[in-house]
Amino acid sequence: MGKLSSIASGVRQSAADMAFEVLREAGILGLERPDKAIKVGSAYVRWGASPALGITTAAIHHPHETALIDERGSLTFEELQRRSNALARAFAGMGIGYGDGVGIMCRNHRGFVEATLAAAKLGASALYLNTMFAGPQLVEVTQREGPKALVHDEEFAELLEGVDESVARIVGWTDGASEAPTIDSLVAASDDSNLKPPPDKPRFVILTSGTTGTPKGAQRSSPDGLLALAALIDRIPFRSRDTMMIAAPLFHSWGFFHFIMSLPTASTIVLRRRFDPEATLRAVQEHRAQVLGVVPVMLQRILGLPGETLASYDLSSLRITSVSGSALPGEMAIEWMDRFGDTIYNLYGSTEVAYATVATPEDLRAAPGTAGRPPRGTALKLYDEGGHQVPQGEVGRIFVGNEMSFEGYTGGGGKEAIGGLLCSGDVGHLDAAGRLFIDGRDDEMIVSGGENVFPREVEDLLADHEAVVEVAVIGVEDGEFGQRLKAFVVAADADVSEGELKEHVKAHLAAYKAPREIEFLDELPRNATGKVLKRELRAREAQRSA
């Protein structure tokens, strides 16, 4: 037992040494004035590794530096600290305290950030609502999650009419006067002095994308320490005092990740309420951003701008173009890097497992389409249906374990686990260099004529065709083969035929993997983060078959 204890202690020390070195190199840890060191140490003891700690320490180190830029202007770290203090006190005056829920339905602007920080300072549970939800979804989610208050942009007021009237409403953004309380009015009327910390860490509820059904609430707490932060910075080189253009929606785990990363790095975040491809380039150039946080469909829309438009913007300040949220086609990553430099870092994960792997520019150059390798401290294994680990090169279900895995669904239940690792919901394989490739969703595999087929492989191949802008492939019922593939294609060339695309697949894959039918669409149905809503495609097919 003594030897095992010694080994475990050595592993922990090694991890701590790694974390310190990574954070020191990133400029997060280092020598500082004794008075500031004492204040920071006291803040860590009081708040733990939560957003409340992040804004508190940033306000100590960089009080007059810019924390946030949005369409209303800028806020310094000290202003953001004081405004979130005042909002937290206003929340408390409304009866919101430790463990209570605060729903946030805001676009990318200061209101989202201030509401999140205020909830964290009270130990309240922040519930992030998708800005593309319909009224019935909002009613269903709020009934299940039971928030005491909703912070929302005024544009969503009508959608919230069906939510129980006992849930307090606070307007996070309005372009005019508002009859309801606003963040600004609450802040103006409240004391902005520092608060006492809550009895435990705050929690955050990020909803799953709902691409295959009703969105679930995935709950997680702030990490216990800085190891998770260090592990990601070891793979994605965030640095202290970066400027981050966060284009990905903040309510989504990827946009939220960048906001959380901006606090310990004391980075300036640039926000725009709505994504526009050219405006995003303009913001990167204007603010000399080192980091651009996007989902793949945003890259697609930017690269779809005319060549002369792309050439007119200077993106030489970019060091990191961080991408996640859905599959990143290899050719898109290469096209971006050929034009703007080797800046792409592609993170694969899910709302439940958080992060699993990161593909660096070197990975993407060597193996386009890869999801990369696990960061330090993350375990990744592939298992077959019987729970046995599969050999390198063979397809298996992906299981992941790290410090940021979720704590279960708020409505009950969780993800399947093996040996403490959670199922990501995807299947994939590892190449000889240990790089992960995603082959598809484990619930999307179909059996056609006795053969296992994953739509992702066919999607990737069709997406490589010069006449295809984007594609989605689903399984549909077939009287002869049990199931068959159907492809939905958005074409760049109106002259491309169904037969030509089928032959393209057959020329590169086994004949049974070729879709039996291809339907051309003007656009694919997507959610707010750009994920294709295959459930809508399946529902359309089911209606046709009925």
Protein backbone atom coordinates (compact mmCIF):
# COMPACT_ATOMS: atom_id res chain seq x y z
CA MET A 1 0.00 0.00 0.00
CA GLY A 2 2.87 2.36 0.85
CA LYS A 3 4.41 1.87 -2.60
CA LEU A 4 1.08 2.51 -4.37
CA SER A 5 0.53 5.62 -2.26
CA SER A 6 4.00 6.85 -3.18
CA ILE A 7 3.33 6.26 -6.89
CA ALA A 8 -0.01 8.11 -6.70
CA SER A 9 1.64 11.01 -4.89
CA GLY A 10 4.32 11.16 -7.57
CA VAL A 11 1.70 11.23 -10.34
CA ARG A 12 -0.15 14.07 -8.63
CA GLN A 13 3.08 16.02 -8.17
CA SER A 14 4.05 15.45 -11.80
CA ALA A 15 0.63 16.75 -12.93
CA ALA A 16 0.95 19.76 -10.64
CA ASP A 17 4.44 20.52 -11.98
CA MET A 18 3.14 20.26 -15.56
CA ALA A 19 0.23 22.57 -14.77
CA PHE A 20 2.46 25.16 -13.14
CA GLU A 21 4.90 25.18 -16.07
CA VAL A 22 2.12 25.46 -18.68
CA LEU A 23 0.34 28.24 -16.78
CA ARG A 24 3.61 30.06 -16.15
CA GLU A 25 4.45 29.96 -19.85
CA ALA A 26 0.96 31.23 -20.67
CA GLY A 27 1.51 34.19 -18.34
CA ILE A 28 -1.22 33.15 -15.91
CA LEU A 29 1.15 32.33 -13.05
CA GLY A 30 4.38 34.12 -12.25
CA LEU A 31 6.13 36.60 -10.03
CA GLU A 32 3.93 39.41 -8.76
CA ARG A 33 3.84 42.12 -6.13
CA PRO A 34 3.38 40.69 -2.60
CA ASP A 35 0.21 42.72 -1.96
CA LYS A 36 -1.41 41.39 -5.17
CA ALA A 37 -0.23 37.84 -4.45
CA ILE A 38 -1.92 37.99 -1.03
CA LYS A 39 -5.15 39.30 -2.57
CA VAL A 40 -5.15 36.61 -5.28
CA GLY A 41 -4.40 33.86 -2.76
CA SER A 42 -7.23 35.07 -0.56
CA ALA A 43 -9.60 35.16 -3.55
CA TYR A 44 -8.73 31.58 -4.49
CA VAL A 45 -9.36 30.36 -0.94
CA ARG A 46 -12.70 32.19 -0.91
CA TRP A 47 -14.03 31.43 -4.37
CA GLY A 48 -12.24 28.30 -5.66
CA ALA A 49 -11.76 27.83 -9.42
CA SER A 50 -15.02 29.49 -10.52
CA PRO A 51 -15.86 32.44 -12.79
CA ALA A 52 -16.14 34.52 -9.61
CA LEU A 53 -12.45 33.83 -8.96
CA GLY A 54 -11.56 34.63 -12.57
CA ILE A 55 -13.12 38.09 -12.60
CA THR A 56 -11.88 38.84 -9.07
CA THR A 57 -8.25 38.07 -9.88
CA ALA A 58 -8.42 39.85 -13.25
CA ALA A 59 -9.79 42.93 -11.49
CA ILE A 60 -6.89 42.77 -9.01
CA HIS A 61 -4.18 42.39 -11.67
CA HIS A 62 -5.64 44.46 -14.53
CA PRO A 63 -8.35 46.73 -13.09
CA HIS A 64 -8.22 49.33 -15.87
CA GLU A 65 -7.59 46.99 -18.81
CA THR A 66 -10.44 46.18 -21.21
CA ALA A 67 -12.36 43.04 -20.31
CA LEU A 68 -15.17 43.13 -22.87
CA ILE A 69 -16.12 44.91 -26.07
CA ASP A 70 -19.60 44.68 -27.55
CA GLU A 71 -21.95 46.90 -29.54
CA ARG A 72 -22.47 49.11 -26.48
CA GLY A 73 -18.76 49.82 -26.06
CA SER A 74 -16.22 48.46 -23.59
CA LEU A 75 -15.97 47.50 -19.90
CA THR A 76 -12.80 47.21 -17.83
CA PHE A 77 -12.21 44.29 -15.48
CA GLU A 78 -12.95 46.52 -12.48
CA GLU A 79 -16.20 47.74 -14.06
CA LEU A 80 -17.24 44.18 -14.86
CA GLN A 81 -16.39 43.09 -11.31
CA ARG A 82 -18.44 45.89 -9.76
CA ARG A 83 -21.39 45.54 -12.14
CA SER A 84 -21.61 41.79 -11.50
CA ASN A 85 -21.37 42.45 -7.74
CA ALA A 86 -24.30 44.83 -7.96
CA LEU A 87 -26.33 42.44 -10.12
CA ALA A 88 -25.66 39.59 -7.70
CA ARG A 89 -26.98 41.72 -4.83
CA ALA A 90 -30.05 42.56 -6.91
CA PHE A 91 -30.59 38.84 -7.58
CA ALA A 92 -30.30 38.18 -3.83
CA GLY A 93 -32.91 40.86 -3.20
CA MET A 94 -35.25 38.92 -5.50
CA GLY A 95 -34.83 35.83 -3.33
CA ILE A 96 -32.19 34.10 -5.46
CA GLY A 97 -29.50 32.32 -3.48
CA TYR A 98 -27.21 29.32 -3.39
CA GLY A 99 -28.51 26.43 -5.50
CA ASP A 100 -31.34 28.41 -7.12
CA GLY A 101 -31.64 28.54 -10.89
CA VAL A 102 -31.16 31.56 -13.14
CA GLY A 103 -32.12 31.06 -16.77
CA ILE A 104 -30.13 33.08 -19.31
CA MET A 105 -31.46 33.55 -22.83
CA CYS A 106 -29.15 36.16 -24.30
CA ARG A 107 -27.14 36.63 -27.43
CA ASN A 108 -23.42 37.40 -27.28
CA HIS A 109 -23.17 40.61 -25.26
CA ARG A 110 -22.30 41.94 -21.80
CA GLY A 111 -25.66 40.94 -20.32
CA PHE A 112 -24.86 37.25 -20.74
CA VAL A 113 -21.48 37.72 -19.05
CA GLU A 114 -22.78 39.85 -16.18
CA ALA A 115 -25.67 37.48 -15.44
CA THR A 116 -23.31 34.48 -15.43
CA LEU A 117 -20.85 36.17 -13.07
CA ALA A 118 -23.62 37.38 -10.77
CA ALA A 119 -25.09 33.88 -10.52
CA ALA A 120 -21.64 32.42 -9.79
CA LYS A 121 -21.07 34.89 -6.96
CA LEU A 122 -24.27 33.67 -5.30
CA GLY A 123 -23.60 30.00 -5.98
CA ALA A 124 -26.72 29.93 -8.13
CA SER A 125 -27.11 27.48 -11.03
CA ALA A 126 -26.99 29.21 -14.42
CA LEU A 127 -29.22 27.63 -17.07
CA TYR A 128 -28.27 28.57 -20.64
CA LEU A 129 -31.18 28.67 -23.08
CA ASN A 130 -30.78 28.31 -26.83
CA THR A 131 -31.70 31.56 -28.60
CA MET A 132 -33.38 29.51 -31.36
CA PHE A 133 -35.79 27.73 -29.03
CA ALA A 134 -39.47 27.88 -29.87
CA GLY A 135 -42.02 28.84 -27.23
CA PRO A 136 -43.11 25.26 -26.40
CA GLN A 137 -39.47 24.19 -25.91
CA LEU A 138 -38.88 27.09 -23.52
CA VAL A 139 -41.95 26.14 -21.51
CA GLU A 140 -40.86 22.51 -21.35
CA VAL A 141 -37.26 23.29 -20.34
CA THR A 142 -38.19 25.89 -17.72
CA GLN A 143 -40.80 23.58 -16.19
CA ARG A 144 -38.19 20.82 -15.92
CA GLU A 145 -35.34 23.02 -14.65
CA GLY A 146 -37.39 25.37 -12.44
CA PRO A 147 -35.38 28.63 -12.56
CA LYS A 148 -36.41 31.44 -10.20
CA ALA A 149 -35.58 34.12 -12.76
CA LEU A 150 -34.97 34.52 -16.48
CA VAL A 151 -32.49 37.02 -17.90
CA HIS A 152 -33.44 37.52 -21.54
CA ASP A 153 -33.03 39.85 -24.46
CA GLU A 154 -36.16 41.88 -25.08
CA GLU A 155 -36.59 40.30 -28.51
CA PHE A 156 -37.44 37.00 -26.79
CA ALA A 157 -40.16 38.41 -24.50
CA GLU A 158 -43.06 37.03 -26.56
CA LEU A 159 -41.50 33.56 -26.66
CA LEU A 160 -41.42 33.57 -22.85
CA GLU A 161 -45.12 34.39 -22.46
CA GLY A 162 -45.97 30.73 -21.86
CA VAL A 163 -43.46 30.41 -18.99
CA ASP A 164 -44.94 30.46 -15.49
CA GLU A 165 -45.53 34.07 -14.40
CA SER A 166 -43.91 33.34 -11.03
CA VAL A 167 -40.52 33.22 -12.77
CA ALA A 168 -39.07 36.74 -12.56
CA ARG A 169 -38.06 38.43 -15.83
CA ILE A 170 -34.98 40.63 -16.25
CA VAL A 171 -34.10 42.20 -19.60
CA GLY A 172 -30.47 41.64 -20.55
CA TRP A 173 -30.50 43.73 -23.74
CA THR A 174 -32.95 46.24 -25.12
CA ASP A 175 -32.61 48.81 -27.88
CA GLY A 176 -35.13 51.11 -26.21
CA ALA A 177 -37.10 51.63 -23.02
CA SER A 178 -38.33 48.56 -21.16
CA GLU A 179 -41.21 48.16 -18.72
CA ALA A 180 -39.50 45.11 -17.17
CA PRO A 181 -36.44 45.45 -14.91
CA THR A 182 -33.21 45.56 -16.88
CA ILE A 183 -29.69 44.59 -15.87
CA ASP A 184 -28.71 48.25 -16.09
CA SER A 185 -31.55 49.40 -13.82
CA LEU A 186 -30.80 46.69 -11.24
CA VAL A 187 -27.08 47.48 -11.28
CA ALA A 188 -27.71 51.21 -10.89
CA ALA A 189 -29.88 50.61 -7.81
CA SER A 190 -27.58 48.12 -6.03
CA ASP A 191 -24.45 48.14 -3.88
CA ASP A 192 -21.41 47.10 -5.95
CA SER A 193 -19.11 46.07 -3.09
CA ASN A 194 -17.62 42.57 -2.96
CA LEU A 195 -19.75 39.67 -1.71
CA LYS A 196 -19.06 36.79 0.63
CA PRO A 197 -18.53 33.52 -1.26
CA PRO A 198 -21.32 30.89 -1.39
CA PRO A 199 -21.03 27.63 0.59
CA ASP A 200 -20.02 25.65 -2.50
CA LYS A 201 -19.02 26.02 -6.15
CA PRO A 202 -21.59 27.33 -8.64
CA ARG A 203 -23.09 24.98 -11.21
CA PHE A 204 -23.85 25.47 -14.87
CA VAL A 205 -26.50 23.74 -16.95
CA ILE A 206 -25.77 23.69 -20.68
CA LEU A 207 -28.45 22.08 -22.81
CA THR A 208 -27.58 19.38 -25.29
CA SER A 209 -28.02 20.36 -28.92
CA GLY A 210 -31.27 18.46 -29.36
CA THR A 211 -30.28 17.35 -32.86
CA THR A 212 -31.88 13.95 -32.28
CA GLY A 213 -34.59 14.84 -29.74
CA THR A 214 -35.57 17.09 -26.82
CA PRO A 215 -32.61 19.03 -25.37
CA LYS A 216 -31.41 17.70 -22.02
CA GLY A 217 -29.78 19.72 -19.26
CA ALA A 218 -26.16 18.66 -18.67
CA GLN A 219 -24.97 19.88 -15.28
CA ARG A 220 -21.39 20.46 -14.20
CA SER A 221 -19.54 22.35 -11.49
CA SER A 222 -16.45 24.53 -11.68
CA PRO A 223 -13.28 22.38 -11.59
CA ASP A 224 -11.50 21.82 -8.29
CA GLY A 225 -8.24 23.29 -9.53
CA LEU A 226 -6.32 24.51 -12.55
CA LEU A 227 -5.27 21.15 -14.03
CA ALA A 228 -8.09 21.11 -16.60
CA LEU A 229 -7.21 24.63 -17.68
CA ALA A 230 -3.51 23.75 -17.98
CA ALA A 231 -4.24 20.58 -19.96
CA LEU A 232 -6.15 22.52 -22.63
CA ILE A 233 -3.63 25.35 -22.79
CA ASP A 234 -0.98 22.68 -23.31
CA ARG A 235 -2.75 21.74 -26.57
CA ILE A 236 -4.26 25.13 -27.54
CA PRO A 237 -1.76 27.93 -26.78
CA PHE A 238 -3.98 30.53 -25.11
CA ARG A 239 -1.96 33.30 -23.50
CA SER A 240 -2.51 35.97 -20.88
CA ARG A 241 -3.99 39.22 -22.21
CA ASP A 242 -5.06 37.75 -25.53
CA THR A 243 -7.91 39.37 -27.41
CA MET A 244 -10.61 36.81 -28.24
CA MET A 245 -13.27 37.31 -30.89
CA ILE A 246 -15.96 34.88 -29.69
CA ALA A 247 -18.27 34.27 -32.64
CA ALA A 248 -19.64 30.94 -31.32
CA PRO A 249 -22.84 31.42 -29.27
CA LEU A 250 -22.06 31.88 -25.57
CA PHE A 251 -24.98 29.63 -24.56
CA HIS A 252 -23.26 26.76 -26.39
CA SER A 253 -20.50 24.87 -24.61
CA TRP A 254 -17.89 26.06 -27.17
CA GLY A 255 -18.66 29.76 -26.85
CA PHE A 256 -18.97 29.35 -23.08
CA PHE A 257 -15.56 27.65 -23.00
CA HIS A 258 -13.93 30.73 -24.50
CA PHE A 259 -15.63 33.02 -22.00
CA ILE A 260 -14.43 30.82 -19.12
CA MET A 261 -10.92 30.68 -20.63
CA SER A 262 -10.84 34.48 -20.91
CA LEU A 263 -11.11 34.97 -17.14
CA PRO A 264 -7.92 33.30 -15.80
CA THR A 265 -6.00 34.59 -18.83
CA ALA A 266 -7.41 38.12 -18.28
CA SER A 267 -8.19 38.24 -21.99
CA THR A 268 -10.31 40.84 -23.72
CA ILE A 269 -13.41 39.30 -25.30
CA VAL A 270 -15.03 40.84 -28.37
CA LEU A 271 -18.72 40.02 -28.82
CA ARG A 272 -21.32 40.66 -31.49
CA ARG A 273 -24.97 39.75 -30.98
CA ARG A 274 -25.38 38.15 -34.38
CA PHE A 275 -22.86 36.33 -36.52
CA ASP A 276 -21.98 37.91 -39.83
CA PRO A 277 -19.04 36.46 -41.78
CA GLU A 278 -17.57 39.73 -43.02
CA ALA A 279 -18.25 41.57 -39.75
CA THR A 280 -16.31 38.81 -37.98
CA LEU A 281 -13.28 39.39 -40.19
CA ARG A 282 -13.63 43.12 -39.62
CA ALA A 283 -13.70 42.65 -35.83
CA VAL A 284 -10.59 40.42 -35.88
CA GLN A 285 -8.74 43.02 -37.94
CA GLU A 286 -9.95 46.05 -35.96
CA HIS A 287 -9.11 44.62 -32.54
CA ARG A 288 -6.01 42.68 -33.67
CA ALA A 289 -7.50 39.53 -32.12
CA GLN A 290 -5.17 36.64 -31.39
CA VAL A 291 -8.04 34.15 -30.95
CA LEU A 292 -11.15 33.50 -33.04
CA GLY A 293 -13.68 31.07 -31.55
CA VAL A 294 -16.07 29.60 -34.13
CA VAL A 295 -18.14 26.56 -35.04
CA PRO A 296 -17.45 24.90 -38.42
CA VAL A 297 -20.46 26.38 -40.25
CA MET A 298 -19.09 29.85 -39.43
CA LEU A 299 -15.79 28.97 -41.09
CA GLN A 300 -17.76 27.69 -44.06
CA ARG A 301 -19.67 30.97 -44.35
CA ILE A 302 -16.51 33.05 -44.03
CA LEU A 303 -14.70 31.01 -46.68
CA GLY A 304 -17.77 31.36 -48.90
CA LEU A 305 -17.19 35.12 -49.17
CA PRO A 306 -15.80 36.38 -52.48
CA GLY A 307 -12.05 36.03 -52.82
CA GLU A 308 -11.53 39.77 -53.08
CA THR A 309 -13.43 40.26 -49.80
CA LEU A 310 -11.29 37.70 -47.99
CA ALA A 311 -8.12 39.26 -49.38
CA SER A 312 -9.11 42.71 -48.13
CA TYR A 313 -8.85 41.78 -44.43
CA ASP A 314 -5.64 41.45 -42.43
CA LEU A 315 -5.85 38.45 -40.08
CA SER A 316 -2.12 38.29 -39.38
CA SER A 317 -2.75 38.87 -35.65
CA LEU A 318 -4.55 35.50 -35.38
CA ARG A 319 -2.59 32.84 -33.54
CA ILE A 320 -5.54 30.54 -32.79
CA THR A 321 -8.65 29.79 -34.79
CA SER A 322 -10.37 27.43 -32.38
CA VAL A 323 -13.13 25.26 -33.82
CA SER A 324 -15.62 22.84 -32.27
CA GLY A 325 -19.32 22.05 -32.09
CA SER A 326 -19.67 19.74 -35.10
CA ALA A 327 -17.54 17.88 -37.60
CA LEU A 328 -14.78 19.94 -39.24
CA PRO A 329 -14.19 18.70 -42.80
CA GLY A 330 -10.49 18.23 -43.48
CA GLU A 331 -10.57 20.18 -46.73
CA MET A 332 -12.12 23.19 -44.96
CA ALA A 333 -9.34 23.23 -42.36
CA ILE A 334 -6.70 23.07 -45.10
CA GLU A 335 -8.39 25.82 -47.13
CA TRP A 336 -8.47 28.12 -44.07
CA MET A 337 -4.84 27.44 -43.19
CA ASP A 338 -3.66 27.90 -46.77
CA ARG A 339 -5.30 31.32 -46.79
CA PHE A 340 -4.86 32.60 -43.22
CA GLY A 341 -1.97 30.54 -41.82
CA ASP A 342 -1.71 27.43 -39.67
CA THR A 343 -3.94 28.61 -36.84
CA ILE A 344 -6.69 25.98 -36.63
CA TYR A 345 -7.13 24.00 -33.44
CA ASN A 346 -10.08 21.62 -33.63
CA LEU A 347 -11.51 20.36 -30.34
CA TYR A 348 -13.67 17.24 -30.29
CA GLY A 349 -15.97 16.71 -27.34
CA SER A 350 -19.59 16.87 -26.30
CA THR A 351 -21.79 18.65 -23.80
CA GLU A 352 -21.49 15.61 -21.53
CA VAL A 353 -17.79 14.66 -21.72
CA ALA A 354 -16.55 18.25 -22.24
CA TYR A 355 -13.33 17.81 -24.20
CA ALA A 356 -11.87 14.57 -25.56
CA THR A 357 -9.21 15.41 -28.16
CA VAL A 358 -7.59 18.41 -29.83
CA ALA A 359 -6.20 18.47 -33.36
CA THR A 360 -3.38 20.98 -33.78
CA PRO A 361 -2.43 22.54 -37.13
CA GLU A 362 0.35 19.93 -37.38
CA ASP A 363 -2.19 17.13 -36.88
CA LEU A 364 -4.53 18.60 -39.49
CA ARG A 365 -1.75 19.01 -42.04
CA ALA A 366 -0.58 15.44 -41.49
CA ALA A 367 -4.04 13.87 -41.34
CA PRO A 368 -6.85 16.17 -42.57
CA GLY A 369 -10.14 15.33 -40.88
CA THR A 370 -8.59 14.03 -37.66
CA ALA A 371 -10.05 14.97 -34.29
CA GLY A 372 -6.54 14.84 -32.83
CA ARG A 373 -5.16 13.48 -29.56
CA PRO A 374 -6.36 13.67 -25.94
CA PRO A 375 -4.95 16.47 -23.78
CA ARG A 376 -2.93 15.45 -20.72
CA GLY A 377 -5.15 14.13 -17.95
CA THR A 378 -7.81 12.90 -20.39
CA ALA A 379 -8.38 9.19 -20.87
CA LEU A 380 -9.82 7.97 -24.19
CA LYS A 381 -10.65 4.38 -25.08
CA LEU A 382 -12.64 2.70 -27.82
CA TYR A 383 -14.89 -0.25 -26.96
CA ASP A 384 -17.02 -2.64 -28.98
CA GLU A 385 -20.65 -3.44 -28.16
CA GLY A 386 -19.50 -6.11 -25.71
CA GLY A 387 -17.44 -3.64 -23.70
CA HIS A 388 -14.06 -4.89 -24.97
CA GLN A 389 -11.39 -2.43 -26.04
CA VAL A 390 -10.84 -2.54 -29.81
CA PRO A 391 -7.39 -2.69 -31.46
CA GLN A 392 -5.80 0.31 -33.12
CA GLY A 393 -7.39 0.99 -36.50
CA GLU A 394 -10.71 -0.69 -35.73
CA VAL A 395 -13.95 1.22 -35.19
CA GLY A 396 -15.26 1.39 -31.66
CA ARG A 397 -17.51 3.44 -29.40
CA ILE A 398 -15.68 6.41 -27.89
CA PHE A 399 -15.40 6.68 -24.09
CA VAL A 400 -13.79 9.65 -22.36
CA GLY A 401 -12.81 10.66 -18.84
CA ASN A 402 -11.50 13.99 -17.53
CA GLU A 403 -12.02 16.51 -14.74
CA MET A 404 -14.73 18.39 -16.63
CA SER A 405 -17.12 15.50 -17.42
CA PHE A 406 -20.70 16.35 -16.55
CA GLU A 407 -22.45 15.26 -13.35
CA GLY A 408 -25.57 13.84 -14.98
CA TYR A 409 -28.71 15.17 -16.62
CA THR A 410 -30.83 17.51 -14.55
CA GLY A 411 -33.90 15.47 -15.42
CA GLY A 412 -32.21 12.30 -14.17
CA GLY A 413 -29.96 9.70 -15.73
CA GLY A 414 -26.58 10.01 -17.39
CA LYS A 415 -24.35 8.66 -20.11
CA GLU A 416 -23.27 5.04 -20.31
CA ALA A 417 -19.95 4.51 -18.52
CA ILE A 418 -17.22 1.85 -18.65
CA GLY A 419 -14.43 1.93 -16.09
CA GLY A 420 -15.25 5.48 -15.09
CA LEU A 421 -15.20 6.74 -18.69
CA LEU A 422 -18.32 8.26 -20.26
CA CYS A 423 -19.64 7.40 -23.71
CA SER A 424 -19.42 10.39 -26.06
CA GLY A 425 -22.16 9.01 -28.27
CA ASP A 426 -19.83 8.67 -31.26
CA VAL A 427 -17.83 5.89 -32.88
CA GLY A 428 -14.33 6.30 -34.24
CA HIS A 429 -10.91 4.78 -34.77
CA LEU A 430 -7.28 5.60 -33.95
CA ASP A 431 -4.56 5.76 -36.57
CA ALA A 432 -0.99 4.51 -36.08
CA ALA A 433 0.03 7.88 -34.61
CA GLY A 434 -2.72 7.74 -31.98
CA ARG A 435 -4.90 10.35 -33.68
CA LEU A 436 -8.65 9.94 -33.37
CA PHE A 437 -11.00 9.94 -36.36
CA ILE A 438 -14.76 10.19 -35.90
CA ASP A 439 -16.73 7.72 -38.01
CA GLY A 440 -20.20 8.82 -36.91
CA ARG A 441 -22.81 8.72 -34.17
CA ASP A 442 -23.18 5.35 -32.53
CA ASP A 443 -26.96 5.61 -32.95
CA GLU A 444 -26.70 6.47 -36.66
CA MET A 445 -25.13 3.22 -37.83
CA ILE A 446 -27.42 1.32 -40.14
CA VAL A 447 -27.36 -2.30 -41.28
CA SER A 448 -27.94 -2.48 -45.03
CA GLY A 449 -28.08 -5.96 -46.50
CA GLY A 450 -26.18 -7.28 -43.48
CA GLU A 451 -23.38 -4.70 -43.74
CA ASN A 452 -22.68 -2.01 -41.11
CA VAL A 453 -22.64 1.49 -42.62
CA PHE A 454 -21.89 4.83 -40.94
CA PRO A 455 -23.31 7.92 -42.69
CA ARG A 456 -20.31 10.08 -41.68
CA GLU A 457 -17.96 8.28 -44.06
CA VAL A 458 -20.31 8.93 -46.99
CA GLU A 459 -20.88 12.54 -45.92
CA ASP A 460 -17.14 13.23 -45.85
CA LEU A 461 -16.66 11.75 -49.30
CA LEU A 462 -19.56 13.65 -50.88
CA ALA A 463 -18.42 16.88 -49.21
CA ASP A 464 -15.11 16.49 -51.05
CA HIS A 465 -16.90 16.69 -54.42
CA GLU A 466 -16.35 20.09 -56.04
CA ALA A 467 -20.06 20.48 -56.81
CA VAL A 468 -21.21 19.88 -53.21
CA VAL A 469 -21.49 22.72 -50.69
CA GLU A 470 -22.75 20.58 -47.82
CA VAL A 471 -24.40 17.24 -47.26
CA ALA A 472 -26.25 15.17 -44.67
CA VAL A 473 -26.85 11.42 -44.89
CA ILE A 474 -29.44 9.45 -42.91
CA GLY A 475 -30.68 5.88 -42.79
CA VAL A 476 -34.20 5.13 -44.01
CA GLU A 477 -36.25 1.94 -44.01
CA ASP A 478 -35.93 -0.35 -47.01
CA GLY A 479 -38.13 -3.37 -47.74
CA GLU A 480 -35.36 -5.33 -49.46
CA PHE A 481 -32.21 -4.41 -47.50
CA GLY A 482 -33.70 -3.50 -44.13
CA GLN A 483 -32.17 -0.02 -44.26
CA ARG A 484 -30.53 2.16 -46.89
CA LEU A 485 -28.80 5.51 -47.04
CA LYS A 486 -30.35 8.69 -48.34
CA ALA A 487 -28.29 11.84 -48.93
CA PHE A 488 -29.47 15.44 -48.79
CA VAL A 489 -27.17 17.70 -50.80
CA VAL A 490 -26.79 21.45 -51.17
CA ALA A 491 -25.07 21.83 -54.54
CA ALA A 492 -22.85 24.62 -55.83
CA ASP A 493 -23.41 23.49 -59.41
CA ALA A 494 -27.02 23.14 -60.57
CA ASP A 495 -25.91 20.79 -63.35
CA VAL A 496 -24.55 18.08 -61.04
CA SER A 497 -26.74 15.00 -61.19
CA GLU A 498 -27.81 12.39 -58.67
CA GLY A 499 -26.15 9.71 -60.80
CA GLU A 500 -22.83 11.57 -60.89
CA LEU A 501 -22.69 11.82 -57.10
CA LYS A 502 -23.64 8.16 -56.66
CA GLU A 503 -20.85 7.15 -59.02
CA HIS A 504 -18.45 9.35 -57.05
CA VAL A 505 -19.24 7.35 -53.91
CA LYS A 506 -19.02 3.98 -55.65
CA ALA A 507 -15.63 4.92 -57.09
CA HIS A 508 -14.18 5.36 -53.60
CA LEU A 509 -16.26 3.18 -51.26
CA ALA A 510 -17.91 -0.22 -51.31
CA ALA A 511 -21.05 -0.27 -53.45
CA TYR A 512 -23.33 -0.97 -50.47
CA LYS A 513 -22.27 2.38 -48.95
CA ALA A 514 -23.58 4.40 -51.88
CA PRO A 515 -26.84 6.24 -51.10
CA ARG A 516 -29.78 4.79 -52.99
CA GLU A 517 -31.35 8.24 -53.22
CA ILE A 518 -30.03 11.81 -53.29
CA GLU A 519 -32.30 14.80 -52.73
CA PHE A 520 -31.12 18.31 -53.55
CA LEU A 521 -32.01 21.09 -51.08
CA ASP A 522 -31.44 24.83 -50.98
CA GLU A 523 -30.13 24.50 -47.41
CA LEU A 524 -29.88 21.97 -44.59
CA PRO A 525 -31.87 22.47 -41.37
CA ARG A 526 -29.51 23.63 -38.60
CA ASN A 527 -29.65 24.77 -35.01
CA ALA A 528 -28.08 27.96 -33.63
CA THR A 529 -24.61 26.40 -33.43
CA GLY A 530 -24.66 25.11 -36.99
CA LYS A 531 -25.33 21.44 -36.29
CA VAL A 532 -27.46 19.77 -38.92
CA LEU A 533 -30.85 18.73 -37.48
CA LYS A 534 -31.10 15.22 -38.86
CA ARG A 535 -34.22 14.59 -36.81
CA GLU A 536 -36.02 17.07 -39.09
CA LEU A 537 -34.81 15.18 -42.16
CA ARG A 538 -35.96 11.90 -40.63
CA ALA A 539 -39.34 13.40 -39.71
CA ARG A 540 -39.77 14.58 -43.30
CA GLU A 541 -39.03 11.07 -44.59
CA ALA A 542 -41.41 9.51 -42.07
CA GLN A 543 -44.22 11.80 -43.24
CA ARG A 544 -43.59 10.81 -46.84
CA SER A 545 -43.72 7.12 -45.95
CA ALA A 546 -46.89 7.43 -43.87
